[in-house]
Amino acid sequence: MGIRLITFSPKSSSTMSKYETMIKYRVINKEILACDMDLEEALMTVEVLRINNPDKIYDIEDYNWTSVEQRRLGRDPDLH
């Protein structure tokens, strides 16, 4: 029993999207239990889950996160 940190291998810089992304973490156990956390929050969440459910194993997975504002396509000139 313990915590596994599953790391995401980022794409090369030539294939990265034009949007600025940051690494966020989520706690999983065959399904996502909590997401959009920094590493400290994820570790704290796993610790609480382990205290409440000592027989289960929880993993922390990292992923690229982009804010909603950065995913917008911009102004559509046909609408104005």
C-alpha atoms as a PDB file:
ATOM      1  CA  MET A   1       0.000   0.000   0.000  1.00  0.00           C
ATOM      2  CA  GLY A   2       1.238   3.444  -0.781  1.00  0.00           C
ATOM      3  CA  ILE A   3       1.294   6.281  -3.233  1.00  0.00           C
ATOM      4  CA  ARG A   4       2.435   5.986  -6.828  1.00  0.00           C
ATOM      5  CA  LEU A   5       3.263   9.133  -8.765  1.00  0.00           C
ATOM      6  CA  ILE A   6       2.424   8.608 -12.432  1.00  0.00           C
ATOM      7  CA  THR A   7       4.315  11.105 -14.543  1.00  0.00           C
ATOM      8  CA  PHE A   8       3.216  12.489 -17.857  1.00  0.00           C
ATOM      9  CA  SER A   9       5.850  12.763 -20.574  1.00  0.00           C
ATOM     10  CA  PRO A  10       5.326  16.154 -22.211  1.00  0.00           C
ATOM     11  CA  LYS A  11       5.424  16.411 -25.984  1.00  0.00           C
ATOM     12  CA  SER A  12       8.403  17.969 -27.651  1.00  0.00           C
ATOM     13  CA  SER A  13       8.353  21.752 -27.932  1.00  0.00           C
ATOM     14  CA  SER A  14       7.661  21.577 -31.674  1.00  0.00           C
ATOM     15  CA  THR A  15       4.399  19.682 -31.098  1.00  0.00           C
ATOM     16  CA  MET A  16       3.231  21.624 -28.033  1.00  0.00           C
ATOM     17  CA  SER A  17       0.136  23.741 -28.487  1.00  0.00           C
ATOM     18  CA  LYS A  18       0.379  27.488 -28.653  1.00  0.00           C
ATOM     19  CA  TYR A  19      -1.352  27.775 -25.285  1.00  0.00           C
ATOM     20  CA  GLU A  20       0.555  28.072 -22.048  1.00  0.00           C
ATOM     21  CA  THR A  21      -0.016  24.985 -19.935  1.00  0.00           C
ATOM     22  CA  MET A  22       0.962  24.028 -16.437  1.00  0.00           C
ATOM     23  CA  ILE A  23       1.327  20.652 -14.801  1.00  0.00           C
ATOM     24  CA  LYS A  24      -1.536  19.849 -12.428  1.00  0.00           C
ATOM     25  CA  TYR A  25      -2.139  16.695 -10.417  1.00  0.00           C
ATOM     26  CA  ARG A  26      -5.133  14.472  -9.770  1.00  0.00           C
ATOM     27  CA  VAL A  27      -5.734  11.609  -7.369  1.00  0.00           C
ATOM     28  CA  ILE A  28      -6.976   8.426  -9.015  1.00  0.00           C
ATOM     29  CA  ASN A  29      -8.092   4.959  -7.974  1.00  0.00           C
ATOM     30  CA  LYS A  30      -9.398   3.394 -11.211  1.00  0.00           C
ATOM     31  CA  GLU A  31     -11.372   6.643 -11.505  1.00  0.00           C
ATOM     32  CA  ILE A  32     -10.570  10.291 -10.892  1.00  0.00           C
ATOM     33  CA  LEU A  33     -11.302  11.179  -7.277  1.00  0.00           C
ATOM     34  CA  ALA A  34      -9.951  14.747  -7.224  1.00  0.00           C
ATOM     35  CA  CYS A  35      -8.259  16.965  -9.803  1.00  0.00           C
ATOM     36  CA  ASP A  36      -6.852  20.458 -10.531  1.00  0.00           C
ATOM     37  CA  MET A  37      -4.490  20.363  -7.556  1.00  0.00           C
ATOM     38  CA  ASP A  38      -0.858  21.215  -7.065  1.00  0.00           C
ATOM     39  CA  LEU A  39       1.423  18.465  -5.772  1.00  0.00           C
ATOM     40  CA  GLU A  40       1.108  19.461  -2.113  1.00  0.00           C
ATOM     41  CA  GLU A  41      -2.699  19.395  -2.272  1.00  0.00           C
ATOM     42  CA  ALA A  42      -2.639  16.014  -4.038  1.00  0.00           C
ATOM     43  CA  LEU A  43      -0.339  14.516  -1.405  1.00  0.00           C
ATOM     44  CA  MET A  44      -2.566  15.846   1.381  1.00  0.00           C
ATOM     45  CA  THR A  45      -5.668  14.433  -0.318  1.00  0.00           C
ATOM     46  CA  VAL A  46      -4.064  11.000  -0.680  1.00  0.00           C
ATOM     47  CA  GLU A  47      -3.037  11.043   2.965  1.00  0.00           C
ATOM     48  CA  VAL A  48      -6.616  11.749   4.070  1.00  0.00           C
ATOM     49  CA  LEU A  49      -7.957   9.029   1.750  1.00  0.00           C
ATOM     50  CA  ARG A  50      -5.398   6.534   3.072  1.00  0.00           C
ATOM     51  CA  ILE A  51      -6.399   7.274   6.675  1.00  0.00           C
ATOM     52  CA  ASN A  52     -10.075   6.702   5.826  1.00  0.00           C
ATOM     53  CA  ASN A  53      -9.471   3.697   3.522  1.00  0.00           C
ATOM     54  CA  PRO A  54      -6.195   1.991   4.529  1.00  0.00           C
ATOM     55  CA  ASP A  55      -6.860  -1.073   2.321  1.00  0.00           C
ATOM     56  CA  LYS A  56      -6.893   0.888  -0.976  1.00  0.00           C
ATOM     57  CA  ILE A  57      -4.006   2.182  -3.074  1.00  0.00           C
ATOM     58  CA  TYR A  58      -4.245   5.698  -4.484  1.00  0.00           C
ATOM     59  CA  ASP A  59      -2.175   7.113  -7.316  1.00  0.00           C
ATOM     60  CA  ILE A  60      -1.247  10.681  -8.152  1.00  0.00           C
ATOM     61  CA  GLU A  61      -1.177  11.431 -11.851  1.00  0.00           C
ATOM     62  CA  ASP A  62       0.139  14.606 -13.443  1.00  0.00           C
ATOM     63  CA  TYR A  63      -1.379  16.164 -16.561  1.00  0.00           C
ATOM     64  CA  ASN A  64      -1.178  19.343 -18.597  1.00  0.00           C
ATOM     65  CA  TRP A  65      -3.777  21.905 -17.579  1.00  0.00           C
ATOM     66  CA  THR A  66      -4.794  24.940 -19.641  1.00  0.00           C
ATOM     67  CA  SER A  67      -7.168  27.608 -18.363  1.00  0.00           C
ATOM     68  CA  VAL A  68     -10.458  28.221 -20.166  1.00  0.00           C
ATOM     69  CA  GLU A  69      -9.381  31.741 -21.106  1.00  0.00           C
ATOM     70  CA  GLN A  70      -6.338  30.415 -22.950  1.00  0.00           C
ATOM     71  CA  ARG A  71      -8.374  27.885 -24.940  1.00  0.00           C
ATOM     72  CA  ARG A  72     -10.581  30.505 -26.547  1.00  0.00           C
ATOM     73  CA  LEU A  73     -10.107  31.019 -30.226  1.00  0.00           C
ATOM     74  CA  GLY A  74     -10.424  34.784 -30.105  1.00  0.00           C
ATOM     75  CA  ARG A  75     -12.832  37.222 -31.687  1.00  0.00           C
ATOM     76  CA  ASP A  76     -14.833  36.003 -34.679  1.00  0.00           C
ATOM     77  CA  PRO A  77     -14.856  38.889 -37.196  1.00  0.00           C
ATOM     78  CA  ASP A  78     -17.973  37.493 -38.885  1.00  0.00           C
ATOM     79  CA  LEU A  79     -19.962  38.067 -35.698  1.00  0.00           C
ATOM     80  CA  HIS A  80     -19.057  41.760 -35.401  1.00  0.00           C
END
